[in-house]
Amino acid sequence: MTKWIKQFLLAGLAGLIRPKHNQKYSLKTKIAAVKDYQLNGLASREVLIKYKIRHISQLKQWIIQYNSDKLTVAYATRKRVKKMGRKVSFDEKKQIVQWTINHQNNYKEAASKYDISYQRVYSWVRKYLHDHNWEVLKDNRGRNKEKEPTMSSNG
């Protein structure tokens, strides 16, 4: 209950609403808060109010990090947007698979070198090593299957 009262006194009604995302503080703000507490003698409650810090544990964590020279900025993680892979010809697939096999199956390096995903390189190499046939790398999507000759009796 006292936690709610502190949050209300600190930020009003908005302090009682749980935020969707964690608050991010700049390195400058973190250092200023720590210095106000350690050097300027502000009480922890005053520092929390001044810098709009939700809980004393956050300030304590910054103090520990500051004293051990490990205080940094928490960078926001961006959501990765899945981009469509580039088109790769059959001959290029063969070249990529050969290069990967010749370099001890280093999929990560191949993906970087040829600007394609790790998963695609891995998939192509695995398919080739399973069948030892380059035809498995052909992409036949969207093409009609070749019609096999049918046996019909003209009788």
Protein backbone atom coordinates (compact mmCIF):
# COMPACT_ATOMS: atom_id res chain seq x y z
CA MET A 1 0.00 0.00 0.00
CA THR A 2 2.80 2.44 0.83
CA LYS A 3 4.30 1.82 -2.62
CA TRP A 4 1.09 3.09 -4.23
CA ILE A 5 1.05 6.15 -1.99
CA LYS A 6 4.66 6.93 -2.90
CA GLN A 7 3.85 6.55 -6.59
CA PHE A 8 0.82 8.82 -6.24
CA LEU A 9 2.84 11.47 -4.40
CA LEU A 10 5.62 11.18 -6.96
CA ALA A 11 3.59 11.35 -10.17
CA GLY A 12 -0.08 11.85 -9.28
CA LEU A 13 -2.70 9.58 -10.82
CA ALA A 14 -0.39 8.83 -13.74
CA GLY A 15 2.00 7.20 -11.25
CA LEU A 16 -0.60 4.57 -10.39
CA ILE A 17 -0.99 3.43 -13.98
CA ARG A 18 1.45 0.71 -14.87
CA PRO A 19 3.43 1.79 -17.93
CA LYS A 20 3.40 -0.39 -21.05
CA HIS A 21 7.14 0.06 -21.55
CA ASN A 22 10.02 0.66 -19.19
CA GLN A 23 11.12 4.27 -18.82
CA LYS A 24 14.39 4.99 -20.62
CA TYR A 25 16.85 7.46 -19.13
CA SER A 26 19.77 9.13 -20.86
CA LEU A 27 23.28 8.60 -19.52
CA LYS A 28 23.36 12.30 -18.62
CA THR A 29 20.23 11.92 -16.45
CA LYS A 30 21.59 8.81 -14.73
CA ILE A 31 24.89 10.51 -13.87
CA ALA A 32 23.12 13.66 -12.66
CA ALA A 33 20.83 11.62 -10.40
CA VAL A 34 23.75 9.68 -8.91
CA LYS A 35 25.78 12.86 -8.34
CA ASP A 36 22.84 14.64 -6.74
CA TYR A 37 22.50 11.74 -4.33
CA GLN A 38 26.19 11.11 -3.61
CA LEU A 39 27.85 14.52 -3.93
CA ASN A 40 25.09 17.07 -3.42
CA GLY A 41 23.51 15.21 -0.51
CA LEU A 42 19.96 15.06 -1.83
CA ALA A 43 17.78 12.48 -0.12
CA SER A 44 16.87 9.49 -2.24
CA ARG A 45 13.19 10.54 -2.24
CA GLU A 46 14.14 13.99 -3.56
CA VAL A 47 16.23 12.43 -6.33
CA LEU A 48 13.35 10.14 -7.29
CA ILE A 49 10.98 13.10 -7.54
CA LYS A 50 13.45 15.38 -9.35
CA TYR A 51 14.31 12.82 -12.06
CA LYS A 52 10.91 11.05 -12.14
CA ILE A 53 12.41 7.69 -11.18
CA ARG A 54 9.70 5.20 -10.20
CA HIS A 55 11.58 3.19 -7.59
CA ILE A 56 14.60 3.46 -5.29
CA SER A 57 15.98 0.17 -6.65
CA GLN A 58 16.59 1.89 -9.99
CA LEU A 59 18.66 4.62 -8.35
CA LYS A 60 20.58 2.04 -6.28
CA GLN A 61 21.39 0.09 -9.44
CA TRP A 62 22.73 3.24 -11.12
CA ILE A 63 24.87 4.04 -8.07
CA ILE A 64 26.44 0.56 -8.12
CA GLN A 65 27.08 0.82 -11.87
CA TYR A 66 28.46 4.36 -11.53
CA ASN A 67 30.87 3.37 -8.76
CA SER A 68 32.18 0.45 -10.84
CA ASP A 69 32.42 2.51 -14.07
CA LYS A 70 29.75 0.42 -15.77
CA LEU A 71 26.95 2.95 -16.04
CA THR A 72 25.63 2.93 -19.59
CA VAL A 73 22.52 3.75 -21.58
CA ALA A 74 20.02 0.98 -22.18
CA TYR A 75 19.40 1.12 -25.89
CA ALA A 76 15.92 0.37 -27.11
CA THR A 77 15.67 -2.84 -29.05
CA ARG A 78 14.07 -2.28 -32.39
CA LYS A 79 11.65 -4.72 -33.84
CA ARG A 80 13.21 -6.37 -36.84
CA VAL A 81 11.25 -5.99 -40.00
CA LYS A 82 11.43 -9.13 -42.05
CA LYS A 83 12.54 -8.18 -45.50
CA MET A 84 12.03 -10.33 -48.50
CA GLY A 85 15.19 -12.14 -49.56
CA ARG A 86 16.78 -11.27 -52.84
CA LYS A 87 16.33 -13.50 -55.84
CA VAL A 88 19.12 -16.00 -56.31
CA SER A 89 19.65 -17.81 -59.59
CA PHE A 90 20.23 -21.55 -59.81
CA ASP A 91 23.88 -21.02 -60.83
CA GLU A 92 24.44 -18.66 -57.91
CA LYS A 93 22.91 -21.21 -55.52
CA LYS A 94 25.39 -23.80 -56.80
CA GLN A 95 28.25 -21.36 -56.30
CA ILE A 96 27.12 -20.53 -52.75
CA VAL A 97 26.73 -24.21 -51.82
CA GLN A 98 30.16 -25.08 -53.25
CA TRP A 99 31.79 -22.16 -51.43
CA THR A 100 30.12 -23.12 -48.15
CA ILE A 101 31.19 -26.77 -48.39
CA ASN A 102 34.75 -25.74 -49.31
CA HIS A 103 34.87 -23.51 -46.21
CA GLN A 104 33.94 -26.16 -43.60
CA ASN A 105 30.20 -25.42 -43.83
CA ASN A 106 30.62 -21.87 -42.54
CA TYR A 107 27.00 -20.84 -43.14
CA LYS A 108 27.31 -17.54 -41.29
CA GLU A 109 30.24 -16.35 -43.40
CA ALA A 110 28.56 -17.50 -46.61
CA ALA A 111 25.36 -15.66 -45.69
CA SER A 112 27.34 -12.50 -45.05
CA LYS A 113 29.49 -12.83 -48.18
CA TYR A 114 26.56 -13.42 -50.53
CA ASP A 115 24.06 -11.15 -48.73
CA ILE A 116 21.45 -13.80 -48.04
CA SER A 117 20.06 -15.32 -44.86
CA TYR A 118 21.82 -18.01 -42.85
CA GLN A 119 18.69 -20.14 -43.12
CA ARG A 120 18.72 -20.12 -46.91
CA VAL A 121 22.39 -21.14 -47.10
CA TYR A 122 21.86 -23.90 -44.54
CA SER A 123 18.78 -25.18 -46.36
CA TRP A 124 20.51 -25.32 -49.77
CA VAL A 125 23.61 -27.06 -48.41
CA ARG A 126 21.51 -29.56 -46.48
CA LYS A 127 19.40 -30.36 -49.56
CA TYR A 128 22.48 -30.82 -51.73
CA LEU A 129 24.32 -33.01 -49.20
CA HIS A 130 21.22 -35.16 -48.75
CA ASP A 131 20.76 -35.97 -52.46
CA HIS A 132 24.15 -35.02 -54.00
CA ASN A 133 22.13 -33.65 -56.89
CA TRP A 134 22.12 -30.02 -58.00
CA GLU A 135 18.55 -30.32 -59.29
CA VAL A 136 17.19 -30.14 -55.72
CA LEU A 137 18.21 -26.47 -55.68
CA LYS A 138 15.91 -25.58 -58.57
CA ASP A 139 12.83 -23.61 -57.62
CA ASN A 140 9.94 -24.95 -59.64
CA ARG A 141 7.20 -23.00 -57.94
CA GLY A 142 4.74 -21.44 -60.36
CA ARG A 143 5.70 -23.67 -63.27
CA ASN A 144 3.55 -26.36 -64.81
CA LYS A 145 4.74 -29.88 -64.28
CA GLU A 146 5.98 -31.58 -67.39
CA LYS A 147 3.35 -33.91 -68.70
CA GLU A 148 4.39 -37.50 -68.84
CA PRO A 149 3.39 -39.36 -71.95
CA THR A 150 0.20 -41.25 -71.30
CA MET A 151 -0.56 -44.63 -72.68
CA SER A 152 -3.73 -44.35 -74.62
CA SER A 153 -5.24 -47.01 -76.72
CA ASN A 154 -6.62 -45.98 -80.04
CA GLY A 155 -8.72 -48.89 -80.65
